[in-house]
């Protein structure tokens, strides 16, 4: 039996659920940069703040839901709550009449993403043999990114068909979000995850119980997160060299195509070689992509940089999840994922705020070079740690 067919049914179900929700979310994501900076006339710093706050909120919610999921030894209720909140947030976008309602809609959507994240990744680890975890996370990430690839193309097509009626496009994007929740509710089943963990007064108390390998990964993940600002800046870079706002969502399509084609192979490869080696390679690809984008003056050079950004995501996101799953004790699995996403969220907030301020003050080149510097520090820290320091005994 091949490694692909040996993966549990739960992995495929969660992958399809992610695909449908990402198809919906990325339509909004693809159109918001042009909407905020062109239609509403906001500075890039404001867009960076919106993305940073939204992503930080999502990852902070992952800390709480991960802790509660381990405490109750349950995953599915938290997964459904997260997807349900995200689905309910979608109609708020076409109903919004200004910046504050858009921020509110984004906030609810990202809270939902945060609630489902850690329990979902813990569920995959619960039901997947350790020797297949890399492939499992790679497959889920690939299916998720199929939605990310199709969404910008669909957004462009709908904008042309509907004569740039963005609100109607947003209403159409509600449909796959609802289907995502319904599919999860009817198809997803979980096995027992063991005994509930002892109660603690606060979600933050879980930090003290984390294993040392997980704590090391938190440090690396934070530094790497500081280098990883929102993909919205890739759209702005393409617009900066001449791409029209109408076609700007295709930047995300190109990014997602590279991501989805490489995510599963990278995850499966991490089952055969050191995940740390692949993570180092991903950091190196990010540094190269940023250096290219910093000096890019044509759309074709930007396109190459965007492809490399997608490649670095394939070599890092699923790999980080696999490494957390390997490093975390069974009764701390969702808590460990939540803690990792929490520090990543803080880093995302810092990265997007700093990127927006640098862009407005010093231009795109300085923004991408600063990201390269932060990534190089994270890579150096990871390089100095041996494989055995990142796994539980």
Protein backbone atom coordinates (compact mmCIF):
# COMPACT_ATOMS: atom_id res chain seq x y z
CA UNK A 1 0.00 0.00 0.00
CA UNK A 2 1.36 3.43 -0.88
CA UNK A 3 2.04 6.11 1.69
CA UNK A 4 -0.69 8.28 0.19
CA UNK A 5 -3.47 5.67 0.51
CA UNK A 6 -2.30 4.69 4.00
CA UNK A 7 -3.18 8.10 5.39
CA UNK A 8 -6.21 8.12 7.72
CA UNK A 9 -9.64 9.16 6.45
CA UNK A 10 -9.65 12.05 8.92
CA UNK A 11 -6.70 13.70 7.13
CA UNK A 12 -8.57 13.68 3.82
CA UNK A 13 -11.77 15.02 5.41
CA UNK A 14 -9.93 17.85 7.15
CA UNK A 15 -8.11 18.60 3.91
CA UNK A 16 -11.39 18.95 1.97
CA UNK A 17 -12.91 21.07 4.74
CA UNK A 18 -9.83 23.32 4.63
CA UNK A 19 -10.03 23.51 0.82
CA UNK A 20 -13.62 24.77 0.89
CA UNK A 21 -13.02 27.30 3.66
CA UNK A 22 -9.82 28.58 2.05
CA UNK A 23 -11.62 28.95 -1.28
CA UNK A 24 -14.01 31.33 0.47
CA UNK A 25 -11.49 33.17 2.66
CA UNK A 26 -8.92 33.75 -0.05
CA UNK A 27 -11.46 35.48 -2.32
CA UNK A 28 -11.77 38.12 0.38
CA UNK A 29 -8.04 38.10 1.03
CA UNK A 30 -7.23 38.53 -2.66
CA UNK A 31 -9.48 41.57 -3.07
CA UNK A 32 -8.91 43.36 0.25
CA UNK A 33 -5.46 44.90 -0.51
CA UNK A 34 -6.73 46.75 -3.59
CA UNK A 35 -10.02 47.56 -1.84
CA UNK A 36 -8.32 49.06 1.20
CA UNK A 37 -5.47 50.94 -0.50
CA UNK A 38 -7.13 51.93 -3.81
CA UNK A 39 -10.88 52.16 -3.13
CA UNK A 40 -10.67 53.44 0.45
CA UNK A 41 -7.34 55.22 0.00
CA UNK A 42 -5.74 53.89 3.18
CA UNK A 43 -1.94 53.88 3.65
CA UNK A 44 -0.06 50.60 3.42
CA UNK A 45 0.66 50.81 7.16
CA UNK A 46 -3.09 50.55 7.81
CA UNK A 47 -3.32 47.41 5.68
CA UNK A 48 -0.35 45.96 7.52
CA UNK A 49 -2.03 46.72 10.85
CA UNK A 50 -5.28 45.08 9.71
CA UNK A 51 -3.50 41.92 8.55
CA UNK A 52 -1.26 41.82 11.60
CA UNK A 53 -4.06 42.24 14.14
CA UNK A 54 -6.23 39.70 12.32
CA UNK A 55 -3.54 37.02 12.17
CA UNK A 56 -2.35 37.68 15.71
CA UNK A 57 -5.93 37.32 16.94
CA UNK A 58 -6.26 33.98 15.16
CA UNK A 59 -3.09 32.60 16.64
CA UNK A 60 -3.89 33.82 20.15
CA UNK A 61 -7.22 31.99 19.91
CA UNK A 62 -5.30 28.84 19.00
CA UNK A 63 -3.54 28.97 22.37
CA UNK A 64 -6.84 28.95 24.25
CA UNK A 65 -8.59 26.34 22.10
CA UNK A 66 -5.55 24.07 22.15
CA UNK A 67 -5.40 24.19 25.92
CA UNK A 68 -9.13 23.52 26.29
CA UNK A 69 -9.03 20.71 23.71
CA UNK A 70 -6.35 18.91 25.72
CA UNK A 71 -8.17 19.59 28.98
CA UNK A 72 -11.35 17.97 27.65
CA UNK A 73 -9.60 15.37 25.47
CA UNK A 74 -11.90 16.46 22.63
CA UNK A 75 -11.12 17.90 19.19
CA UNK A 76 -14.24 17.91 16.99
CA UNK A 77 -16.35 20.43 18.98
CA UNK A 78 -13.58 23.02 18.75
CA UNK A 79 -12.99 22.31 15.07
CA UNK A 80 -16.71 22.81 14.35
CA UNK A 81 -16.90 25.98 16.44
CA UNK A 82 -13.98 27.46 14.52
CA UNK A 83 -15.34 26.63 11.08
CA UNK A 84 -18.81 27.76 12.12
CA UNK A 85 -17.58 31.20 13.25
CA UNK A 86 -15.62 31.63 10.04
CA UNK A 87 -18.69 30.75 7.95
CA UNK A 88 -20.87 33.18 9.91
CA UNK A 89 -18.34 36.01 9.43
CA UNK A 90 -18.44 35.90 5.62
CA UNK A 91 -21.74 37.81 5.11
CA UNK A 92 -20.33 40.66 7.23
CA UNK A 93 -17.90 41.60 4.44
CA UNK A 94 -20.48 42.47 1.74
CA UNK A 95 -22.62 44.19 4.38
CA UNK A 96 -19.74 46.40 5.57
CA UNK A 97 -19.92 50.12 4.73
CA UNK A 98 -16.54 51.24 6.04
CA UNK A 99 -13.17 50.29 7.50
CA UNK A 100 -14.39 49.44 11.00
CA UNK A 101 -16.99 46.87 9.83
CA UNK A 102 -14.35 45.28 7.57
CA UNK A 103 -12.04 45.03 10.57
CA UNK A 104 -14.87 43.46 12.61
CA UNK A 105 -15.61 40.89 9.91
CA UNK A 106 -11.93 40.02 9.58
CA UNK A 107 -11.66 39.77 13.36
CA UNK A 108 -14.53 37.24 13.65
CA UNK A 109 -13.19 35.25 10.69
CA UNK A 110 -9.70 35.02 12.20
CA UNK A 111 -11.06 34.13 15.66
CA UNK A 112 -12.77 31.17 13.98
CA UNK A 113 -9.54 30.23 12.25
CA UNK A 114 -7.73 30.39 15.57
CA UNK A 115 -10.22 28.24 17.44
CA UNK A 116 -10.05 25.40 14.91
CA UNK A 117 -6.31 25.43 14.22
CA UNK A 118 -4.67 23.69 17.17
CA UNK A 119 -7.40 21.04 17.73
CA UNK A 120 -7.42 20.26 13.99
CA UNK A 121 -3.65 19.75 13.82
CA UNK A 122 -3.74 17.76 17.06
CA UNK A 123 -6.49 15.54 15.61
CA UNK A 124 -4.25 14.76 12.64
CA UNK A 125 -1.41 13.80 14.98
CA UNK A 126 -3.77 11.73 17.17
CA UNK A 127 -4.91 9.59 14.25
CA UNK A 128 -1.77 9.38 12.10
CA UNK A 129 1.18 7.03 12.76
CA UNK A 130 4.38 8.98 13.53
CA UNK A 131 6.09 7.67 10.38
CA UNK A 132 3.35 9.25 8.21
CA UNK A 133 2.88 12.59 9.97
CA UNK A 134 4.94 14.57 7.49
CA UNK A 135 2.86 13.26 4.60
CA UNK A 136 -0.37 13.87 6.55
CA UNK A 137 0.38 17.52 7.27
CA UNK A 138 1.69 17.99 3.74
CA UNK A 139 -1.51 16.56 2.24
CA UNK A 140 -3.80 18.69 4.39
CA UNK A 141 -1.75 21.76 3.54
CA UNK A 142 -1.84 20.92 -0.18
CA UNK A 143 -5.63 20.53 -0.20
CA UNK A 144 -5.98 23.74 1.79
CA UNK A 145 -3.80 25.54 -0.76
CA UNK A 146 -5.87 24.24 -3.70
CA UNK A 147 -8.54 26.59 -2.35
CA UNK A 148 -5.95 29.33 -2.09
CA UNK A 149 -4.98 28.78 -5.73
CA UNK A 150 -8.52 28.66 -7.14
CA UNK A 151 -9.83 31.60 -5.09
CA UNK A 152 -7.82 34.44 -6.74
CA UNK A 153 -8.60 33.09 -10.22
CA UNK A 154 -12.29 32.89 -9.30
CA UNK A 155 -12.10 36.39 -7.82
CA UNK A 156 -10.71 37.84 -11.06
CA UNK A 157 -13.27 35.98 -13.18
CA UNK A 158 -16.17 37.11 -11.00
CA UNK A 159 -14.95 40.70 -10.96
CA UNK A 160 -14.85 40.74 -14.77
CA UNK A 161 -18.21 38.98 -15.11
CA UNK A 162 -19.90 41.21 -12.51
CA UNK A 163 -18.31 44.47 -13.74
CA UNK A 164 -16.23 44.92 -10.57
CA UNK A 165 -19.22 44.55 -8.24
CA UNK A 166 -17.11 43.46 -5.28
CA UNK A 167 -20.03 43.10 -2.87
CA UNK A 168 -21.73 40.53 -5.08
CA UNK A 169 -18.42 38.65 -5.36
CA UNK A 170 -18.25 38.61 -1.56
CA UNK A 171 -21.81 37.20 -1.36
CA UNK A 172 -20.88 34.38 -3.74
CA UNK A 173 -17.85 33.58 -1.56
CA UNK A 174 -20.18 32.83 1.35
CA UNK A 175 -21.31 29.56 -0.30
CA UNK A 176 -18.10 27.45 0.01
CA UNK A 177 -17.70 28.59 3.63
CA UNK A 178 -21.11 27.19 4.53
CA UNK A 179 -20.37 23.96 2.64
CA UNK A 180 -17.10 23.63 4.56
CA UNK A 181 -18.88 23.73 7.92
CA UNK A 182 -21.61 21.32 6.82
CA UNK A 183 -19.07 18.82 5.47
CA UNK A 184 -17.09 18.91 8.72
CA UNK A 185 -20.24 18.49 10.83
CA UNK A 186 -21.49 15.46 8.91
CA UNK A 187 -18.28 13.65 7.92
CA UNK A 188 -15.76 14.25 10.71
CA UNK A 189 -15.45 11.69 13.51
CA UNK A 190 -12.82 11.52 16.20
CA UNK A 191 -11.40 8.69 18.26
CA UNK A 192 -10.65 9.01 21.94
CA UNK A 193 -7.54 11.09 22.61
CA UNK A 194 -6.91 9.75 26.11
CA UNK A 195 -7.63 11.13 29.57
CA UNK A 196 -8.43 14.81 30.02
CA UNK A 197 -5.47 16.74 31.39
CA UNK A 198 -5.60 18.37 34.84
CA UNK A 199 -7.36 21.71 34.89
CA UNK A 200 -5.36 24.91 35.11
CA UNK A 201 -6.56 28.39 35.98
CA UNK A 202 -5.39 29.98 32.75
CA UNK A 203 -4.57 28.90 29.24
CA UNK A 204 -1.14 30.48 29.71
CA UNK A 205 -0.42 28.02 32.52
CA UNK A 206 0.08 25.39 29.87
CA UNK A 207 3.33 27.06 28.86
CA UNK A 208 5.03 25.83 32.02
CA UNK A 209 4.29 22.20 31.18
CA UNK A 210 5.59 22.30 27.62
CA UNK A 211 8.50 20.02 26.80
CA UNK A 212 11.92 21.58 26.24
CA UNK A 213 11.99 20.63 22.52
CA UNK A 214 8.65 22.40 22.03
CA UNK A 215 9.97 25.51 23.80
CA UNK A 216 12.98 25.56 21.46
CA UNK A 217 10.68 25.32 18.46
CA UNK A 218 8.63 28.22 19.86
CA UNK A 219 11.73 30.41 19.84
CA UNK A 220 12.62 29.47 16.28
CA UNK A 221 9.02 29.88 15.16
CA UNK A 222 8.84 33.36 16.68
CA UNK A 223 11.98 34.57 14.90
CA UNK A 224 10.83 33.02 11.64
CA UNK A 225 7.37 34.58 12.07
CA UNK A 226 8.93 38.04 12.36
CA UNK A 227 10.36 37.46 8.87
CA UNK A 228 6.99 36.30 7.49
CA UNK A 229 4.75 39.28 6.86
CA UNK A 230 1.38 38.96 5.07
CA UNK A 231 1.21 37.81 1.43
CA UNK A 232 -0.71 41.04 0.82
CA UNK A 233 2.68 42.72 0.44
CA UNK A 234 3.41 40.47 -2.53
CA UNK A 235 0.30 41.89 -4.19
CA UNK A 236 1.42 45.43 -3.42
CA UNK A 237 4.86 44.72 -4.86
CA UNK A 238 3.29 43.49 -8.10
CA UNK A 239 1.11 46.60 -8.24
CA UNK A 240 4.20 48.71 -7.54
CA UNK A 241 5.86 47.44 -10.74
CA UNK A 242 2.77 47.97 -12.86
CA UNK A 243 0.18 45.20 -12.34
CA UNK A 244 -3.37 46.60 -12.36
CA UNK A 245 -5.60 46.23 -9.31
CA UNK A 246 -8.08 44.16 -11.34
CA UNK A 247 -5.49 41.47 -12.03
CA UNK A 248 -3.68 41.69 -8.70
CA UNK A 249 -5.43 38.60 -7.18
CA UNK A 250 -3.48 36.47 -9.67
CA UNK A 251 -0.40 37.09 -7.52
CA UNK A 252 -1.96 34.94 -4.79
CA UNK A 253 -2.92 32.32 -7.37
CA UNK A 254 0.73 32.02 -8.46
CA UNK A 255 1.88 31.93 -4.84
CA UNK A 256 -0.64 29.21 -3.98
CA UNK A 257 0.18 27.14 -7.06
CA UNK A 258 3.83 26.85 -6.02
CA UNK A 259 2.74 26.14 -2.45
CA UNK A 260 0.25 23.37 -3.27
CA UNK A 261 2.54 21.61 -5.76
CA UNK A 262 5.35 21.34 -3.21
CA UNK A 263 3.56 20.99 0.16
CA UNK A 264 2.76 17.27 -0.02
CA UNK A 265 6.17 16.21 -1.51
CA UNK A 266 7.94 18.28 1.15
CA UNK A 267 5.86 16.74 3.95
CA UNK A 268 6.38 13.21 2.65
CA UNK A 269 10.11 13.86 2.31
CA UNK A 270 10.24 14.90 5.98
CA UNK A 271 9.24 11.31 6.85
CA UNK A 272 12.47 10.12 5.22
CA UNK A 273 15.03 12.84 5.96
CA UNK A 274 15.57 15.26 8.82
CA UNK A 275 12.68 17.78 9.03
CA UNK A 276 15.19 20.29 10.36
CA UNK A 277 17.13 20.09 7.08
CA UNK A 278 13.99 20.86 5.08
CA UNK A 279 13.11 23.72 7.41
CA UNK A 280 16.57 25.22 6.92
CA UNK A 281 16.11 24.90 3.16
CA UNK A 282 12.78 26.72 3.41
CA UNK A 283 14.35 29.57 5.37
CA UNK A 284 17.07 29.81 2.73
CA UNK A 285 14.47 29.99 -0.04
CA UNK A 286 12.67 32.83 1.81
CA UNK A 287 15.91 34.79 2.08
CA UNK A 288 16.56 34.35 -1.65
CA UNK A 289 13.00 35.31 -2.57
CA UNK A 290 13.14 38.49 -0.51
CA UNK A 291 16.46 39.56 -1.98
CA UNK A 292 15.02 39.08 -5.48
CA UNK A 293 11.82 40.98 -4.67
CA UNK A 294 13.75 43.82 -3.07
CA UNK A 295 15.41 44.67 -6.40
CA UNK A 296 12.61 43.61 -8.79
CA UNK A 297 11.49 46.22 -11.33
CA UNK A 298 9.49 44.01 -13.72
CA UNK A 299 6.43 41.85 -13.21
CA UNK A 300 8.33 38.75 -14.42
CA UNK A 301 10.98 39.09 -11.71
CA UNK A 302 8.24 39.64 -9.15
CA UNK A 303 6.56 36.48 -10.43
CA UNK A 304 9.72 34.46 -9.78
CA UNK A 305 9.93 35.92 -6.29
CA UNK A 306 6.30 35.03 -5.62
CA UNK A 307 6.90 31.43 -6.75
CA UNK A 308 9.85 31.22 -4.35
CA UNK A 309 7.64 32.57 -1.56
CA UNK A 310 5.20 29.75 -2.23
CA UNK A 311 8.07 27.25 -2.24
CA UNK A 312 9.33 28.48 1.13
CA UNK A 313 5.83 28.05 2.61
CA UNK A 314 5.73 24.44 1.38
CA UNK A 315 9.10 23.79 3.00
CA UNK A 316 8.19 25.34 6.36
CA UNK A 317 4.50 25.30 7.37
CA UNK A 318 3.75 21.57 7.29
CA UNK A 319 7.28 20.84 8.49
CA UNK A 320 6.80 23.01 11.58
CA UNK A 321 3.54 21.15 12.33
CA UNK A 322 5.23 17.78 11.98
CA UNK A 323 8.10 18.87 14.27
CA UNK A 324 5.65 20.11 16.92
CA UNK A 325 3.76 16.80 16.73
CA UNK A 326 7.03 14.91 17.22
CA UNK A 327 8.21 17.13 20.08
CA UNK A 328 4.97 17.24 22.10
CA UNK A 329 3.89 14.59 24.63
CA UNK A 330 0.49 13.07 23.79
CA UNK A 331 -1.40 14.88 26.57
CA UNK A 332 0.08 18.27 25.58
CA UNK A 333 -0.34 17.99 21.82
CA UNK A 334 -3.06 20.59 21.20
CA UNK A 335 -1.60 22.84 23.90
CA UNK A 336 1.78 22.69 22.16
CA UNK A 337 0.22 23.53 18.80
CA UNK A 338 -1.69 26.36 20.43
CA UNK A 339 1.43 27.76 22.06
CA UNK A 340 3.33 27.58 18.78
CA UNK A 341 0.55 29.37 16.91
CA UNK A 342 0.32 31.93 19.71
CA UNK A 343 3.95 33.01 19.45
CA UNK A 344 3.63 32.90 15.66
CA UNK A 345 0.65 35.24 15.96
CA UNK A 346 2.62 37.74 18.01
CA UNK A 347 5.38 37.54 15.41
CA UNK A 348 2.85 38.01 12.58
CA UNK A 349 1.54 41.16 14.22
CA UNK A 350 5.06 42.56 14.59
CA UNK A 351 6.00 41.55 11.04
CA UNK A 352 2.99 43.09 9.30
CA UNK A 353 3.09 46.30 11.34
CA UNK A 354 6.81 46.71 10.72
CA UNK A 355 6.46 45.85 7.03
CA UNK A 356 3.74 48.45 6.55
CA UNK A 357 5.73 51.16 8.33
CA UNK A 358 8.93 50.32 6.43
CA UNK A 359 7.05 50.29 3.12
CA UNK A 360 5.56 53.76 3.71
CA UNK A 361 8.81 55.23 5.02
CA UNK A 362 11.60 53.51 3.07
CA UNK A 363 9.89 51.65 0.23
CA UNK A 364 9.48 48.01 -0.81
CA UNK A 365 13.21 47.19 -1.03
CA UNK A 366 13.87 47.88 2.66
CA UNK A 367 10.77 45.88 3.64
CA UNK A 368 11.97 42.73 1.88
CA UNK A 369 15.60 43.13 3.01
CA UNK A 370 14.50 43.43 6.65
CA UNK A 371 12.55 40.19 6.25
CA UNK A 372 15.68 38.49 4.90
CA UNK A 373 17.64 39.61 7.95
CA UNK A 374 15.08 38.22 10.39
CA UNK A 375 14.92 34.93 8.47
CA UNK A 376 18.72 34.64 8.56
CA UNK A 377 18.70 34.95 12.37
CA UNK A 378 16.03 32.23 12.66
CA UNK A 379 18.03 29.99 10.33
CA UNK A 380 21.21 30.47 12.34
CA UNK A 381 19.41 29.55 15.56
CA UNK A 382 17.94 26.42 13.98
CA UNK A 383 21.28 25.42 12.45
CA UNK A 384 22.99 25.48 15.85
CA UNK A 385 20.47 23.02 17.35
CA UNK A 386 20.97 19.29 16.70
CA UNK A 387 18.03 17.09 15.69
CA UNK A 388 17.90 15.38 19.09
CA UNK A 389 17.31 18.74 20.81
CA UNK A 390 14.01 19.10 18.92
CA UNK A 391 12.42 15.75 19.83
CA UNK A 392 11.04 14.25 23.01
CA UNK A 393 12.89 11.22 24.38
